[in-house]
């Protein structure tokens, strides 16, 4: 393959990495801008790009891009729950959790939102998943649900009944799948998360199934 971008595959890369592919040119940065205009490079944010699939020969992984746009982070909340088939609603924003302050980015691939969590809470229930030959960090189903509960301002009540209503009616969670969730992960989240009582109620709901 004559195009040097081919070797970068579908992994997001910094400007310097791309410029190194064209170090024989007098102005690699101008070349990068030209490649972006031509559609061969997609800018994820300032200084970060991913090679278009028509050039790399590999599909772009939006989950991997989410990890690289703002990190450390892992894909979670509504997007992860939808990916696992646990909620029916179509999700248009790539949602993630991060130890940094909450932020949102928009680019040609879509909208990427990040919600801040405690550093000690961050690693619970997070796994590495493979997609199109690359690996990215994503919440397990239990962690994704806990994250959504923690950051949903429409769930102020502490009662088990209100939580059941929230799951079944508000987010239309697949209630038949509750019994498959790992209560231990939820209890670990409850121990550290700021809505511990609500998460403990979630564990109670699962245990009584």
N, C-alpha and C. Protein backbone atom coordinates (compact mmCIF):
# COMPACT_ATOMS: atom_id res chain seq x y z
N UNK A 1 0.85 -1.20 0.00
CA UNK A 1 0.00 0.00 0.00
C UNK A 1 0.88 1.25 0.00
N UNK A 2 0.70 2.13 -0.99
CA UNK A 2 1.54 3.32 -1.13
C UNK A 2 1.20 4.40 -0.11
N UNK A 3 -0.04 4.46 0.32
CA UNK A 3 -0.44 5.50 1.27
C UNK A 3 0.13 5.18 2.65
N UNK A 4 0.99 6.03 3.21
CA UNK A 4 1.59 5.74 4.51
C UNK A 4 0.58 5.71 5.66
N UNK A 5 -0.60 6.28 5.45
CA UNK A 5 -1.62 6.26 6.50
C UNK A 5 -2.14 4.85 6.74
N UNK A 6 -1.98 3.98 5.77
CA UNK A 6 -2.48 2.61 5.88
C UNK A 6 -1.91 1.91 7.10
N UNK A 7 -0.65 2.17 7.42
CA UNK A 7 0.01 1.49 8.53
C UNK A 7 -0.53 1.92 9.89
N UNK A 8 -1.23 3.04 9.95
CA UNK A 8 -1.78 3.53 11.21
C UNK A 8 -3.06 2.80 11.60
N UNK A 9 -3.62 2.07 10.66
CA UNK A 9 -4.83 1.27 10.88
C UNK A 9 -5.97 2.11 11.46
N UNK A 10 -6.70 1.57 12.44
CA UNK A 10 -7.88 2.29 12.96
C UNK A 10 -7.67 2.82 14.37
N UNK A 11 -6.41 2.97 14.78
CA UNK A 11 -6.10 3.47 16.12
C UNK A 11 -5.93 4.99 16.08
N UNK A 12 -6.62 5.75 16.92
CA UNK A 12 -6.44 7.20 16.95
C UNK A 12 -4.99 7.58 17.23
N UNK A 13 -4.49 8.58 16.52
CA UNK A 13 -3.08 8.97 16.64
C UNK A 13 -2.94 10.48 16.75
N UNK A 14 -1.84 10.89 17.39
CA UNK A 14 -1.54 12.30 17.54
C UNK A 14 -0.96 12.87 16.24
N UNK A 15 -0.97 14.19 16.16
CA UNK A 15 -0.44 14.88 14.98
C UNK A 15 1.00 14.47 14.68
N UNK A 16 1.82 14.35 15.74
CA UNK A 16 3.22 14.01 15.55
C UNK A 16 3.43 12.67 14.88
N UNK A 17 2.59 11.71 15.21
CA UNK A 17 2.69 10.38 14.61
C UNK A 17 2.39 10.44 13.12
N UNK A 18 1.38 11.22 12.77
CA UNK A 18 1.03 11.36 11.35
C UNK A 18 2.12 12.12 10.61
N UNK A 19 2.63 13.17 11.24
CA UNK A 19 3.68 13.97 10.60
C UNK A 19 4.92 13.13 10.31
N UNK A 20 5.20 12.16 11.19
CA UNK A 20 6.37 11.29 10.99
C UNK A 20 6.24 10.45 9.72
N UNK A 21 5.00 10.22 9.29
CA UNK A 21 4.78 9.46 8.04
C UNK A 21 5.15 10.29 6.82
N UNK A 22 5.24 11.61 7.01
CA UNK A 22 5.53 12.51 5.89
C UNK A 22 6.72 13.41 6.22
N UNK A 23 7.71 12.86 6.95
CA UNK A 23 8.83 13.70 7.39
C UNK A 23 9.73 14.17 6.26
N UNK A 24 9.55 13.61 5.08
CA UNK A 24 10.35 14.06 3.94
C UNK A 24 9.80 15.35 3.34
N UNK A 25 8.59 15.72 3.73
CA UNK A 25 7.97 16.94 3.22
C UNK A 25 8.43 18.14 4.03
N UNK A 26 8.45 19.30 3.42
CA UNK A 26 8.86 20.52 4.11
C UNK A 26 7.82 20.99 5.11
N UNK A 27 6.55 20.65 4.87
CA UNK A 27 5.47 21.07 5.76
C UNK A 27 4.49 19.92 6.01
N UNK A 28 4.86 18.99 6.90
CA UNK A 28 3.96 17.86 7.20
C UNK A 28 2.60 18.31 7.73
N UNK A 29 2.57 19.40 8.50
CA UNK A 29 1.30 19.86 9.07
C UNK A 29 0.33 20.32 7.98
N UNK A 30 0.87 20.94 6.95
CA UNK A 30 0.02 21.33 5.82
C UNK A 30 -0.51 20.10 5.11
N UNK A 31 0.30 19.06 5.04
CA UNK A 31 -0.13 17.79 4.44
C UNK A 31 -1.27 17.19 5.26
N UNK A 32 -1.17 17.27 6.58
CA UNK A 32 -2.22 16.73 7.45
C UNK A 32 -3.53 17.47 7.21
N UNK A 33 -3.46 18.79 7.10
CA UNK A 33 -4.68 19.57 6.84
C UNK A 33 -5.28 19.19 5.49
N UNK A 34 -4.42 18.94 4.51
CA UNK A 34 -4.91 18.54 3.18
C UNK A 34 -5.57 17.17 3.23
N UNK A 35 -4.99 16.25 4.00
CA UNK A 35 -5.57 14.91 4.13
C UNK A 35 -6.91 14.96 4.85
N UNK A 36 -7.03 15.88 5.80
CA UNK A 36 -8.32 16.04 6.49
C UNK A 36 -9.37 16.58 5.53
N UNK A 37 -9.01 17.57 4.75
CA UNK A 37 -9.94 18.13 3.77
C UNK A 37 -10.36 17.08 2.74
N UNK A 38 -9.44 16.19 2.43
CA UNK A 38 -9.68 15.14 1.43
C UNK A 38 -10.49 13.97 2.00
N UNK A 39 -10.70 13.97 3.32
CA UNK A 39 -11.48 12.90 3.95
C UNK A 39 -10.69 11.67 4.32
N UNK A 40 -9.36 11.72 4.15
CA UNK A 40 -8.54 10.56 4.52
C UNK A 40 -8.27 10.50 6.02
N UNK A 41 -8.31 11.66 6.65
CA UNK A 41 -8.15 11.76 8.10
C UNK A 41 -9.40 12.38 8.71
N UNK A 42 -9.81 11.87 9.85
CA UNK A 42 -10.94 12.43 10.59
C UNK A 42 -10.40 13.02 11.89
N UNK A 43 -10.66 14.30 12.11
CA UNK A 43 -10.17 14.92 13.34
C UNK A 43 -11.14 14.63 14.48
N UNK A 44 -10.63 14.02 15.55
CA UNK A 44 -11.44 13.69 16.71
C UNK A 44 -11.49 14.86 17.69
N UNK A 45 -10.38 15.53 17.83
CA UNK A 45 -10.26 16.77 18.60
C UNK A 45 -8.94 17.40 18.16
N UNK A 46 -8.60 18.53 18.72
CA UNK A 46 -7.37 19.20 18.31
C UNK A 46 -6.16 18.28 18.56
N UNK A 47 -5.42 18.00 17.49
CA UNK A 47 -4.21 17.20 17.61
C UNK A 47 -4.41 15.70 17.61
N UNK A 48 -5.66 15.23 17.47
CA UNK A 48 -5.94 13.79 17.49
C UNK A 48 -6.79 13.41 16.28
N UNK A 49 -6.34 12.39 15.56
CA UNK A 49 -7.01 11.97 14.32
C UNK A 49 -7.17 10.45 14.28
N UNK A 50 -8.07 10.01 13.39
CA UNK A 50 -8.17 8.60 13.06
C UNK A 50 -8.25 8.50 11.54
N UNK A 51 -7.63 7.48 10.99
CA UNK A 51 -7.61 7.30 9.54
C UNK A 51 -8.97 6.78 9.07
N UNK A 52 -9.49 7.35 8.00
CA UNK A 52 -10.77 6.90 7.46
C UNK A 52 -10.67 5.44 7.02
N UNK A 53 -11.76 4.71 7.19
CA UNK A 53 -11.76 3.27 6.88
C UNK A 53 -11.47 2.98 5.41
N UNK A 54 -11.77 3.93 4.53
CA UNK A 54 -11.49 3.73 3.10
C UNK A 54 -9.99 3.68 2.82
N UNK A 55 -9.20 4.23 3.75
CA UNK A 55 -7.74 4.24 3.61
C UNK A 55 -7.10 3.12 4.41
N UNK A 56 -7.55 2.95 5.65
CA UNK A 56 -6.94 1.95 6.54
C UNK A 56 -7.38 0.53 6.21
N UNK A 57 -8.57 0.41 5.61
CA UNK A 57 -9.11 -0.92 5.34
C UNK A 57 -9.75 -1.56 6.55
N UNK A 58 -9.85 -0.79 7.67
CA UNK A 58 -10.47 -1.31 8.89
C UNK A 58 -11.57 -0.36 9.35
N UNK A 59 -12.69 -0.90 9.83
CA UNK A 59 -13.76 -0.05 10.33
C UNK A 59 -13.28 0.78 11.53
N UNK A 60 -13.78 1.99 11.64
CA UNK A 60 -13.44 2.84 12.78
C UNK A 60 -14.22 2.37 14.00
N UNK A 61 -13.56 2.22 15.12
CA UNK A 61 -14.20 1.84 16.38
C UNK A 61 -14.50 3.11 17.17
N UNK A 62 -15.78 3.46 17.28
CA UNK A 62 -16.13 4.66 18.04
C UNK A 62 -15.83 4.49 19.52
N UNK A 63 -15.89 3.26 20.01
CA UNK A 63 -15.55 3.02 21.42
C UNK A 63 -14.08 3.29 21.67
N UNK A 64 -13.22 2.82 20.77
CA UNK A 64 -11.79 3.08 20.91
C UNK A 64 -11.51 4.58 20.80
N UNK A 65 -12.18 5.24 19.88
CA UNK A 65 -12.01 6.69 19.75
C UNK A 65 -12.42 7.40 21.03
N UNK A 66 -13.50 6.94 21.65
CA UNK A 66 -13.96 7.54 22.90
C UNK A 66 -12.89 7.43 23.98
N UNK A 67 -12.24 6.28 24.07
CA UNK A 67 -11.16 6.09 25.05
C UNK A 67 -10.03 7.08 24.83
N UNK A 68 -9.72 7.37 23.56
CA UNK A 68 -8.57 8.21 23.24
C UNK A 68 -8.89 9.71 23.29
N UNK A 69 -10.11 10.08 23.00
CA UNK A 69 -10.47 11.50 22.97
C UNK A 69 -10.26 12.15 24.33
N UNK A 70 -10.62 11.44 25.39
CA UNK A 70 -10.53 12.00 26.75
C UNK A 70 -10.31 10.85 27.71
N UNK A 71 -9.18 10.84 28.37
CA UNK A 71 -8.88 9.71 29.23
C UNK A 71 -8.11 10.11 30.47
N UNK A 72 -8.05 9.17 31.43
CA UNK A 72 -8.57 7.80 31.30
C UNK A 72 -10.09 7.78 31.30
N UNK A 73 -10.66 6.90 30.51
CA UNK A 73 -12.11 6.80 30.43
C UNK A 73 -12.51 5.41 29.97
N UNK A 74 -13.76 5.07 30.18
CA UNK A 74 -14.33 3.83 29.67
C UNK A 74 -15.76 4.10 29.21
N UNK A 75 -16.19 3.42 28.17
CA UNK A 75 -17.55 3.59 27.64
C UNK A 75 -18.55 3.02 28.64
N UNK A 76 -19.62 3.76 28.90
CA UNK A 76 -20.57 3.33 29.94
C UNK A 76 -21.93 3.99 29.73
N UNK A 77 -22.73 3.99 30.80
CA UNK A 77 -24.04 4.63 30.87
C UNK A 77 -24.95 4.16 29.72
N UNK A 78 -25.72 5.09 29.13
CA UNK A 78 -26.74 4.69 28.16
C UNK A 78 -26.16 3.95 26.95
N UNK A 79 -25.02 4.41 26.45
CA UNK A 79 -24.48 3.78 25.25
C UNK A 79 -24.14 2.33 25.51
N UNK A 80 -23.50 2.05 26.64
CA UNK A 80 -23.13 0.67 26.97
C UNK A 80 -24.36 -0.19 27.20
N UNK A 81 -25.34 0.35 27.92
CA UNK A 81 -26.56 -0.42 28.19
C UNK A 81 -27.29 -0.77 26.89
N UNK A 82 -27.31 0.17 25.96
CA UNK A 82 -27.93 -0.10 24.67
C UNK A 82 -27.14 -1.16 23.91
N UNK A 83 -25.82 -1.08 23.95
CA UNK A 83 -24.97 -2.06 23.26
C UNK A 83 -25.19 -3.46 23.80
N UNK A 84 -25.41 -3.57 25.11
CA UNK A 84 -25.67 -4.88 25.72
C UNK A 84 -27.11 -5.35 25.49
N UNK A 85 -27.94 -4.50 24.89
CA UNK A 85 -29.33 -4.86 24.63
C UNK A 85 -30.22 -4.78 25.85
N UNK A 86 -29.83 -3.96 26.83
CA UNK A 86 -30.57 -3.89 28.09
C UNK A 86 -31.58 -2.75 28.12
N UNK A 87 -31.46 -1.79 27.23
CA UNK A 87 -32.46 -0.74 27.08
C UNK A 87 -32.80 -0.63 25.59
N UNK A 88 -34.05 -0.31 25.27
CA UNK A 88 -34.48 -0.33 23.86
C UNK A 88 -34.21 0.96 23.10
N UNK A 89 -34.04 2.06 23.81
CA UNK A 89 -33.93 3.35 23.14
C UNK A 89 -32.63 3.49 22.36
N UNK A 90 -32.73 4.09 21.20
CA UNK A 90 -31.54 4.38 20.39
C UNK A 90 -30.73 5.48 21.08
N UNK A 91 -29.43 5.27 21.17
CA UNK A 91 -28.55 6.23 21.84
C UNK A 91 -27.64 6.87 20.80
N UNK A 92 -27.68 8.19 20.70
CA UNK A 92 -26.90 8.89 19.68
C UNK A 92 -25.61 9.49 20.24
N UNK A 93 -25.49 9.58 21.55
CA UNK A 93 -24.28 10.12 22.18
C UNK A 93 -23.44 8.99 22.76
N UNK A 94 -22.15 8.99 22.46
CA UNK A 94 -21.23 8.02 23.05
C UNK A 94 -20.94 8.48 24.48
N UNK A 95 -21.42 7.73 25.47
CA UNK A 95 -21.30 8.13 26.87
C UNK A 95 -20.19 7.35 27.56
N UNK A 96 -19.38 8.05 28.34
CA UNK A 96 -18.25 7.43 29.03
C UNK A 96 -18.10 8.01 30.43
N UNK A 97 -17.35 7.30 31.27
CA UNK A 97 -16.98 7.78 32.60
C UNK A 97 -15.49 8.07 32.61
N UNK A 98 -15.08 9.07 33.38
CA UNK A 98 -13.68 9.47 33.44
C UNK A 98 -13.33 9.94 34.84
N UNK A 99 -12.06 9.94 35.17
CA UNK A 99 -11.62 10.49 36.46
C UNK A 99 -11.39 11.99 36.35
N UNK A 100 -11.41 12.53 35.14
CA UNK A 100 -11.25 13.97 34.94
C UNK A 100 -12.62 14.66 35.05
N UNK A 101 -12.61 15.98 34.91
CA UNK A 101 -13.87 16.71 34.99
C UNK A 101 -14.75 16.36 33.79
N UNK A 102 -16.05 16.49 33.96
CA UNK A 102 -17.00 16.15 32.90
C UNK A 102 -16.81 17.08 31.69
N UNK A 103 -16.86 16.49 30.49
CA UNK A 103 -16.70 17.27 29.27
C UNK A 103 -17.46 16.62 28.12
N UNK A 104 -17.69 17.39 27.08
CA UNK A 104 -18.35 16.88 25.87
C UNK A 104 -17.56 17.34 24.65
N UNK A 105 -17.39 16.43 23.70
CA UNK A 105 -16.70 16.73 22.45
C UNK A 105 -17.63 16.37 21.29
N UNK A 106 -17.52 17.12 20.20
CA UNK A 106 -18.26 16.80 18.99
C UNK A 106 -17.31 16.79 17.80
N UNK A 107 -17.48 15.80 16.94
CA UNK A 107 -16.67 15.71 15.73
C UNK A 107 -17.48 15.01 14.65
N UNK A 108 -16.84 14.65 13.56
CA UNK A 108 -17.54 14.03 12.44
C UNK A 108 -18.16 12.68 12.79
N UNK A 109 -17.65 12.03 13.84
CA UNK A 109 -18.19 10.74 14.25
C UNK A 109 -19.40 10.87 15.16
N UNK A 110 -19.61 12.06 15.74
CA UNK A 110 -20.75 12.25 16.62
C UNK A 110 -20.40 13.01 17.88
N UNK A 111 -21.21 12.80 18.90
CA UNK A 111 -21.07 13.50 20.18
C UNK A 111 -20.53 12.52 21.22
N UNK A 112 -19.52 12.95 21.96
CA UNK A 112 -18.88 12.13 22.99
C UNK A 112 -18.98 12.87 24.33
N UNK A 113 -19.70 12.28 25.28
CA UNK A 113 -19.88 12.90 26.59
C UNK A 113 -19.19 12.08 27.67
N UNK A 114 -18.55 12.78 28.61
CA UNK A 114 -17.79 12.13 29.68
C UNK A 114 -18.28 12.65 31.03
N UNK A 115 -18.49 11.71 31.98
CA UNK A 115 -18.98 12.05 33.30
C UNK A 115 -17.94 11.66 34.35
N UNK A 116 -17.67 12.58 35.26
CA UNK A 116 -16.60 12.37 36.22
C UNK A 116 -17.00 11.38 37.32
N UNK A 117 -16.08 10.47 37.65
CA UNK A 117 -16.27 9.53 38.75
C UNK A 117 -15.03 9.58 39.64
N UNK A 118 -15.15 9.06 40.86
CA UNK A 118 -14.02 9.02 41.77
C UNK A 118 -12.95 8.06 41.25
N UNK A 119 -11.68 8.39 41.45
CA UNK A 119 -10.60 7.50 41.00
C UNK A 119 -10.71 6.09 41.56
N UNK A 120 -11.13 5.96 42.82
CA UNK A 120 -11.24 4.64 43.43
C UNK A 120 -12.46 3.86 42.91
N UNK A 121 -13.43 4.58 42.36
CA UNK A 121 -14.63 3.95 41.79
C UNK A 121 -14.38 3.51 40.34
N UNK A 122 -13.50 4.22 39.66
CA UNK A 122 -13.27 4.05 38.23
C UNK A 122 -13.03 2.59 37.80
N UNK A 123 -12.12 1.81 38.43
CA UNK A 123 -11.78 0.49 37.88
C UNK A 123 -12.79 -0.62 38.14
N UNK A 124 -13.78 -0.38 39.00
CA UNK A 124 -14.75 -1.43 39.33
C UNK A 124 -15.57 -1.77 38.08
N UNK A 125 -15.69 -3.06 37.77
CA UNK A 125 -16.57 -3.49 36.69
C UNK A 125 -16.21 -2.98 35.32
N UNK A 126 -14.93 -2.79 35.04
CA UNK A 126 -14.48 -2.32 33.73
C UNK A 126 -13.67 -3.43 33.06
N UNK A 127 -13.92 -3.65 31.79
CA UNK A 127 -13.21 -4.71 31.08
C UNK A 127 -12.68 -4.22 29.74
N UNK A 128 -11.73 -4.95 29.21
CA UNK A 128 -11.18 -4.65 27.89
C UNK A 128 -11.91 -5.50 26.85
N UNK A 129 -12.44 -4.86 25.82
CA UNK A 129 -13.17 -5.57 24.78
C UNK A 129 -12.51 -5.34 23.42
N UNK A 130 -12.57 -6.34 22.57
CA UNK A 130 -11.97 -6.26 21.24
C UNK A 130 -13.00 -5.84 20.20
N UNK A 131 -12.61 -4.92 19.35
CA UNK A 131 -13.49 -4.48 18.27
C UNK A 131 -12.64 -4.11 17.06
N UNK A 132 -12.87 -4.79 15.97
CA UNK A 132 -12.16 -4.51 14.71
C UNK A 132 -10.65 -4.54 14.89
N UNK A 133 -10.17 -5.49 15.68
CA UNK A 133 -8.73 -5.66 15.85
C UNK A 133 -8.09 -4.77 16.87
N UNK A 134 -8.87 -3.94 17.55
CA UNK A 134 -8.32 -3.05 18.58
C UNK A 134 -9.08 -3.27 19.89
N UNK A 135 -8.44 -2.92 21.00
CA UNK A 135 -9.05 -3.13 22.31
C UNK A 135 -9.41 -1.79 22.95
N UNK A 136 -10.57 -1.78 23.61
CA UNK A 136 -11.02 -0.56 24.29
C UNK A 136 -11.60 -0.92 25.65
N UNK A 137 -11.70 0.08 26.52
CA UNK A 137 -12.24 -0.12 27.86
C UNK A 137 -13.73 0.19 27.87
N UNK A 138 -14.49 -0.71 28.49
CA UNK A 138 -15.95 -0.57 28.53
C UNK A 138 -16.48 -1.12 29.85
N UNK A 139 -17.53 -0.52 30.35
CA UNK A 139 -18.14 -0.98 31.59
C UNK A 139 -18.88 -2.30 31.38
N UNK A 140 -18.83 -3.18 32.37
CA UNK A 140 -19.71 -4.34 32.39
C UNK A 140 -21.15 -3.84 32.51
N UNK A 141 -22.15 -4.68 32.22
CA UNK A 141 -23.54 -4.24 32.33
C UNK A 141 -23.87 -3.67 33.71
N UNK A 142 -23.36 -4.31 34.77
CA UNK A 142 -23.64 -3.85 36.13
C UNK A 142 -23.08 -2.44 36.37
N UNK A 143 -21.86 -2.22 35.93
CA UNK A 143 -21.22 -0.92 36.15
C UNK A 143 -21.90 0.16 35.32
N UNK A 144 -22.30 -0.18 34.09
CA UNK A 144 -22.98 0.80 33.24
C UNK A 144 -24.29 1.25 33.88
N UNK A 145 -25.01 0.31 34.48
CA UNK A 145 -26.27 0.65 35.14
C UNK A 145 -26.01 1.49 36.39
N UNK A 146 -25.01 1.12 37.17
CA UNK A 146 -24.67 1.90 38.36
C UNK A 146 -24.27 3.32 37.97
N UNK A 147 -23.48 3.45 36.92
CA UNK A 147 -23.07 4.78 36.46
C UNK A 147 -24.27 5.63 36.08
N UNK A 148 -25.22 5.02 35.38
CA UNK A 148 -26.41 5.77 34.96
C UNK A 148 -27.21 6.22 36.17
N UNK A 149 -27.37 5.34 37.14
CA UNK A 149 -28.11 5.68 38.36
C UNK A 149 -27.41 6.81 39.11
N UNK A 150 -26.10 6.75 39.19
CA UNK A 150 -25.34 7.77 39.91
C UNK A 150 -25.50 9.15 39.29
N UNK A 151 -25.61 9.22 37.97
CA UNK A 151 -25.59 10.51 37.30
C UNK A 151 -26.93 10.91 36.70
N UNK A 152 -27.98 10.18 37.06
CA UNK A 152 -29.32 10.56 36.61
C UNK A 152 -29.98 11.40 37.70
N UNK A 153 -30.13 12.68 37.44
CA UNK A 153 -30.69 13.61 38.42
C UNK A 153 -32.18 13.40 38.64
N UNK A 154 -32.82 12.58 37.80
CA UNK A 154 -34.25 12.34 37.94
C UNK A 154 -34.55 11.17 38.87
N UNK A 155 -33.56 10.71 39.61
CA UNK A 155 -33.77 9.60 40.53
C UNK A 155 -33.33 10.01 41.93
N UNK A 156 -34.08 10.91 42.58
CA UNK A 156 -33.69 11.37 43.92
C UNK A 156 -34.18 10.46 45.04
N UNK A 157 -35.23 9.68 44.80
CA UNK A 157 -35.84 8.88 45.86
C UNK A 157 -34.96 7.71 46.27
N UNK A 158 -35.10 7.29 47.53
CA UNK A 158 -34.28 6.21 48.07
C UNK A 158 -35.03 4.88 48.15
N UNK A 159 -36.31 4.84 47.76
CA UNK A 159 -37.12 3.64 47.97
C UNK A 159 -36.88 2.58 46.90
N UNK A 160 -37.06 1.31 47.31
CA UNK A 160 -36.93 0.19 46.39
C UNK A 160 -38.01 0.28 45.31
N UNK A 161 -39.21 0.64 45.72
CA UNK A 161 -40.33 0.72 44.78
C UNK A 161 -40.06 1.76 43.69
N UNK A 162 -39.54 2.92 44.09
CA UNK A 162 -39.25 3.95 43.09
C UNK A 162 -38.14 3.50 42.16
N UNK A 163 -37.17 2.77 42.66
CA UNK A 163 -36.09 2.28 41.81
C UNK A 163 -36.61 1.26 40.80
N UNK A 164 -37.50 0.38 41.24
CA UNK A 164 -38.10 -0.59 40.33
C UNK A 164 -38.87 0.12 39.22
N UNK A 165 -39.58 1.17 39.60
CA UNK A 165 -40.33 1.95 38.61
C UNK A 165 -39.38 2.64 37.63
N UNK A 166 -38.31 3.16 38.15
CA UNK A 166 -37.29 3.81 37.31
C UNK A 166 -36.74 2.84 36.27
N UNK A 167 -36.41 1.64 36.72
CA UNK A 167 -35.84 0.64 35.81
C UNK A 167 -36.84 0.21 34.74
N UNK A 168 -38.06 -0.11 35.17
CA UNK A 168 -39.05 -0.67 34.26
C UNK A 168 -39.69 0.37 33.35
N UNK A 169 -39.92 1.59 33.88
CA UNK A 169 -40.68 2.59 33.13
C UNK A 169 -39.83 3.74 32.58
N UNK A 170 -38.93 4.24 33.40
CA UNK A 170 -38.16 5.42 32.99
C UNK A 170 -37.11 5.09 31.94
N UNK A 171 -36.29 4.06 32.21
CA UNK A 171 -35.25 3.71 31.23
C UNK A 171 -35.60 2.43 30.46
N UNK A 172 -36.72 1.81 30.81
CA UNK A 172 -37.21 0.60 30.13
C UNK A 172 -36.14 -0.50 30.08
N UNK A 173 -35.53 -0.72 31.24
CA UNK A 173 -34.50 -1.75 31.36
C UNK A 173 -35.13 -3.13 31.20
N UNK A 174 -34.41 -4.06 30.60
CA UNK A 174 -34.88 -5.43 30.43
C UNK A 174 -34.91 -6.11 31.80
N UNK A 175 -36.07 -6.12 32.44
CA UNK A 175 -36.17 -6.63 33.81
C UNK A 175 -35.86 -8.12 33.89
N UNK A 176 -36.06 -8.85 32.80
CA UNK A 176 -35.73 -10.28 32.80
C UNK A 176 -34.23 -10.52 32.90
N UNK A 177 -33.44 -9.50 32.56
CA UNK A 177 -31.99 -9.64 32.59
C UNK A 177 -31.38 -9.28 33.94
N UNK A 178 -32.19 -8.76 34.86
CA UNK A 178 -31.67 -8.37 36.17
C UNK A 178 -31.00 -9.52 36.91
N UNK A 179 -31.59 -10.70 36.79
CA UNK A 179 -31.06 -11.86 37.51
C UNK A 179 -29.68 -12.28 37.01
N UNK A 180 -29.29 -11.80 35.83
CA UNK A 180 -27.98 -12.14 35.27
C UNK A 180 -26.87 -11.22 35.77
N UNK A 181 -27.25 -10.13 36.44
CA UNK A 181 -26.26 -9.16 36.88
C UNK A 181 -25.50 -9.65 38.11
N UNK A 182 -24.24 -9.25 38.20
CA UNK A 182 -23.37 -9.61 39.31
C UNK A 182 -23.60 -8.64 40.47
N UNK A 183 -24.26 -9.13 41.52
CA UNK A 183 -24.58 -8.28 42.67
C UNK A 183 -23.31 -7.76 43.34
N UNK A 184 -22.26 -8.56 43.32
CA UNK A 184 -21.01 -8.15 43.95
C UNK A 184 -20.45 -6.86 43.38
N UNK A 185 -20.53 -6.70 42.05
CA UNK A 185 -20.05 -5.47 41.41
C UNK A 185 -20.90 -4.29 41.85
N UNK A 186 -22.20 -4.49 41.93
CA UNK A 186 -23.11 -3.42 42.35
C UNK A 186 -22.83 -3.01 43.79
N UNK A 187 -22.59 -3.98 44.66
CA UNK A 187 -22.29 -3.67 46.06
C UNK A 187 -20.95 -2.96 46.19
N UNK A 188 -19.99 -3.32 45.36
CA UNK A 188 -18.71 -2.61 45.36
C UNK A 188 -18.90 -1.15 44.95
N UNK A 189 -19.76 -0.93 43.96
CA UNK A 189 -20.06 0.44 43.53
C UNK A 189 -20.79 1.21 44.62
N UNK A 190 -21.69 0.53 45.31
CA UNK A 190 -22.46 1.17 46.39
C UNK A 190 -21.55 1.61 47.53
N UNK A 191 -20.50 0.86 47.77
CA UNK A 191 -19.58 1.17 48.86
C UNK A 191 -18.83 2.47 48.61
N UNK A 192 -18.62 2.81 47.33
CA UNK A 192 -17.83 3.99 46.98
C UNK A 192 -18.67 5.10 46.36
N UNK A 193 -19.69 4.74 45.60
CA UNK A 193 -20.51 5.73 44.90
C UNK A 193 -21.29 6.62 45.84
N UNK A 194 -21.68 7.82 45.35
CA UNK A 194 -22.36 8.78 46.21
C UNK A 194 -23.85 8.51 46.38
N UNK A 195 -24.42 7.54 45.70
CA UNK A 195 -25.81 7.12 45.90
C UNK A 195 -25.83 5.69 46.41
N UNK A 196 -25.07 5.47 47.49
CA UNK A 196 -24.90 4.12 48.02
C UNK A 196 -26.19 3.42 48.39
N UNK A 197 -27.14 4.16 48.98
CA UNK A 197 -28.39 3.54 49.40
C UNK A 197 -29.20 3.06 48.20
N UNK A 198 -29.23 3.85 47.15
CA UNK A 198 -29.97 3.47 45.95
C UNK A 198 -29.33 2.24 45.30
N UNK A 199 -28.01 2.22 45.24
CA UNK A 199 -27.33 1.07 44.65
C UNK A 199 -27.51 -0.18 45.51
N UNK A 200 -27.55 -0.01 46.82
CA UNK A 200 -27.85 -1.16 47.69
C UNK A 200 -29.27 -1.66 47.46
N UNK A 201 -30.19 -0.73 47.17
CA UNK A 201 -31.56 -1.14 46.85
C UNK A 201 -31.59 -1.93 45.54
N UNK A 202 -30.74 -1.55 44.60
CA UNK A 202 -30.64 -2.30 43.35
C UNK A 202 -30.19 -3.73 43.63
N UNK A 203 -29.23 -3.87 44.51
CA UNK A 203 -28.76 -5.21 44.88
C UNK A 203 -29.88 -6.02 45.54
N UNK A 204 -30.70 -5.35 46.36
CA UNK A 204 -31.83 -6.02 47.02
C UNK A 204 -32.84 -6.52 45.98
N UNK A 205 -33.12 -5.68 44.98
CA UNK A 205 -34.07 -6.06 43.94
C UNK A 205 -33.60 -7.31 43.22
N UNK A 206 -32.32 -7.36 42.92
CA UNK A 206 -31.77 -8.52 42.20
C UNK A 206 -31.78 -9.76 43.07
N UNK A 207 -31.45 -9.61 44.33
CA UNK A 207 -31.37 -10.76 45.23
C UNK A 207 -32.74 -11.42 45.46
N UNK A 208 -33.80 -10.65 45.36
CA UNK A 208 -35.13 -11.20 45.63
C UNK A 208 -35.75 -11.86 44.40
N UNK A 209 -35.08 -11.76 43.24
CA UNK A 209 -35.62 -12.37 42.02
C UNK A 209 -35.51 -13.88 42.10
